[in-house]
Structure formats: structure tokens, C-alpha cells
C-alpha atoms as a PDB file:
ATOM      1  CA  UNK A   1      -0.030   0.001   0.049  1.00  0.00           C
ATOM      2  CA  UNK A   2       1.323   3.278  -0.985  1.00  0.00           C
ATOM      3  CA  UNK A   3       1.996   5.829   1.745  1.00  0.00           C
ATOM      4  CA  UNK A   4      -0.050   9.077   1.491  1.00  0.00           C
ATOM      5  CA  UNK A   5       0.120  10.540   4.884  1.00  0.00           C
ATOM      6  CA  UNK A   6       2.822  12.976   6.291  1.00  0.00           C
ATOM      7  CA  UNK A   7       4.071  13.112   9.742  1.00  0.00           C
ATOM      8  CA  UNK A   8       1.933  15.984  10.882  1.00  0.00           C
ATOM      9  CA  UNK A   9      -1.230  14.165   9.562  1.00  0.00           C
ATOM     10  CA  UNK A  10      -0.299  11.108  11.275  1.00  0.00           C
ATOM     11  CA  UNK A  11       0.518  12.859  14.618  1.00  0.00           C
ATOM     12  CA  UNK A  12      -3.040  14.852  14.569  1.00  0.00           C
ATOM     13  CA  UNK A  13      -4.723  11.581  13.897  1.00  0.00           C
ATOM     14  CA  UNK A  14      -3.002   9.786  16.778  1.00  0.00           C
ATOM     15  CA  UNK A  15      -3.622  12.680  19.156  1.00  0.00           C
ATOM     16  CA  UNK A  16      -7.282  12.871  18.143  1.00  0.00           C
ATOM     17  CA  UNK A  17      -7.543   9.172  18.657  1.00  0.00           C
ATOM     18  CA  UNK A  18      -5.974   9.355  21.995  1.00  0.00           C
ATOM     19  CA  UNK A  19      -8.292  12.312  23.146  1.00  0.00           C
ATOM     20  CA  UNK A  20     -11.342  10.376  22.039  1.00  0.00           C
ATOM     21  CA  UNK A  21     -10.358   7.201  23.874  1.00  0.00           C
ATOM     22  CA  UNK A  22      -9.527   9.054  27.010  1.00  0.00           C
ATOM     23  CA  UNK A  23     -12.998  10.901  26.866  1.00  0.00           C
ATOM     24  CA  UNK A  24     -14.844   7.598  26.124  1.00  0.00           C
ATOM     25  CA  UNK A  25     -13.106   5.563  29.012  1.00  0.00           C
ATOM     26  CA  UNK A  26     -13.575   8.518  31.313  1.00  0.00           C
ATOM     27  CA  UNK A  27     -17.277   8.445  30.631  1.00  0.00           C
ATOM     28  CA  UNK A  28     -17.453  12.010  29.258  1.00  0.00           C
ATOM     29  CA  UNK A  29     -18.924  10.639  25.996  1.00  0.00           C
ATOM     30  CA  UNK A  30     -21.274   7.712  26.266  1.00  0.00           C
ATOM     31  CA  UNK A  31     -23.872   5.903  24.467  1.00  0.00           C
ATOM     32  CA  UNK A  32     -24.098   5.501  20.560  1.00  0.00           C
ATOM     33  CA  UNK A  33     -22.139   8.731  20.047  1.00  0.00           C
ATOM     34  CA  UNK A  34     -19.397   7.469  22.182  1.00  0.00           C
ATOM     35  CA  UNK A  35     -19.204   4.108  20.413  1.00  0.00           C
ATOM     36  CA  UNK A  36     -19.204   5.698  17.001  1.00  0.00           C
ATOM     37  CA  UNK A  37     -16.300   8.050  18.095  1.00  0.00           C
ATOM     38  CA  UNK A  38     -14.294   5.300  19.448  1.00  0.00           C
ATOM     39  CA  UNK A  39     -14.782   3.390  16.120  1.00  0.00           C
ATOM     40  CA  UNK A  40     -13.535   6.630  14.353  1.00  0.00           C
ATOM     41  CA  UNK A  41     -10.465   6.665  16.768  1.00  0.00           C
ATOM     42  CA  UNK A  42      -9.604   3.053  15.970  1.00  0.00           C
ATOM     43  CA  UNK A  43      -9.711   3.799  12.260  1.00  0.00           C
ATOM     44  CA  UNK A  44      -7.662   7.075  12.672  1.00  0.00           C
ATOM     45  CA  UNK A  45      -5.020   5.121  14.752  1.00  0.00           C
ATOM     46  CA  UNK A  46      -5.012   2.189  12.189  1.00  0.00           C
ATOM     47  CA  UNK A  47      -4.430   4.607   9.303  1.00  0.00           C
ATOM     48  CA  UNK A  48      -1.649   6.549  11.167  1.00  0.00           C
ATOM     49  CA  UNK A  49       0.223   3.433  11.907  1.00  0.00           C
ATOM     50  CA  UNK A  50       0.160   2.282   8.329  1.00  0.00           C
ATOM     51  CA  UNK A  51       0.720   5.700   6.906  1.00  0.00           C
ATOM     52  CA  UNK A  52      -2.109   5.437   4.437  1.00  0.00           C
ATOM     53  CA  UNK A  53      -5.652   6.486   4.217  1.00  0.00           C
ATOM     54  CA  UNK A  54      -8.024   4.880   1.764  1.00  0.00           C
ATOM     55  CA  UNK A  55      -9.988   7.848   1.332  1.00  0.00           C
ATOM     56  CA  UNK A  56      -6.960  10.013   0.281  1.00  0.00           C
ATOM     57  CA  UNK A  57      -6.300   7.369  -2.199  1.00  0.00           C
ATOM     58  CA  UNK A  58      -9.722   7.568  -3.542  1.00  0.00           C
ATOM     59  CA  UNK A  59      -9.643  11.269  -3.984  1.00  0.00           C
ATOM     60  CA  UNK A  60      -6.069  11.374  -5.162  1.00  0.00           C
ATOM     61  CA  UNK A  61      -4.948  13.436  -2.002  1.00  0.00           C
ATOM     62  CA  UNK A  62      -1.580  13.115  -0.361  1.00  0.00           C
ATOM     63  CA  UNK A  63       0.027  14.892   2.643  1.00  0.00           C
ATOM     64  CA  UNK A  64       3.315  13.022   2.321  1.00  0.00           C
ATOM     65  CA  UNK A  65       6.208  15.170   1.262  1.00  0.00           C
ATOM     66  CA  UNK A  66       7.427  14.832  -2.185  1.00  0.00           C
ATOM     67  CA  UNK A  67      10.435  12.526  -2.689  1.00  0.00           C
ATOM     68  CA  UNK A  68      13.249  14.244  -4.311  1.00  0.00           C
ATOM     69  CA  UNK A  69      14.918  12.247  -7.194  1.00  0.00           C
ATOM     70  CA  UNK A  70      18.585  12.167  -7.142  1.00  0.00           C
ATOM     71  CA  UNK A  71      20.310  13.102 -10.345  1.00  0.00           C
END
């Protein structure tokens, strides 16, 4: 799978996943909303670990810095 996420994007997703998990497990967010947000957090964490987002690929986006070719 081709990497399409930069370090800042990965860091923000990881941070957001951690915040959602903390809020869920401290019972600040509960019920259906809490479960939906927890699933989103798991997806964010998974995509940041593999450095690839399927939606980015679908739309042709990339936050990964361009690789310089050596001449």
C-alpha cells in the first residue's frame, strides 16, 4: 500500500484518537455517540500506523512530502 500521509497528519490523527479514547473511557462521551467516536478513533489510529488513508487514495490526495529524485 502506498504511503499518502505525512508526519503532521499522522500525529494529529494519533492525538485525536487518544483524546477520544480518554474521553470515552472516562465516561465523558457515552452511548451511541461514544461508540461511533471510538470506532473513528480506532480507524484514525490504524491509518496513522500504516501511513495510508483509503479515502486519500480514493480522492487522489496526499499529505506525504514529495520525494526528491537524485540526479
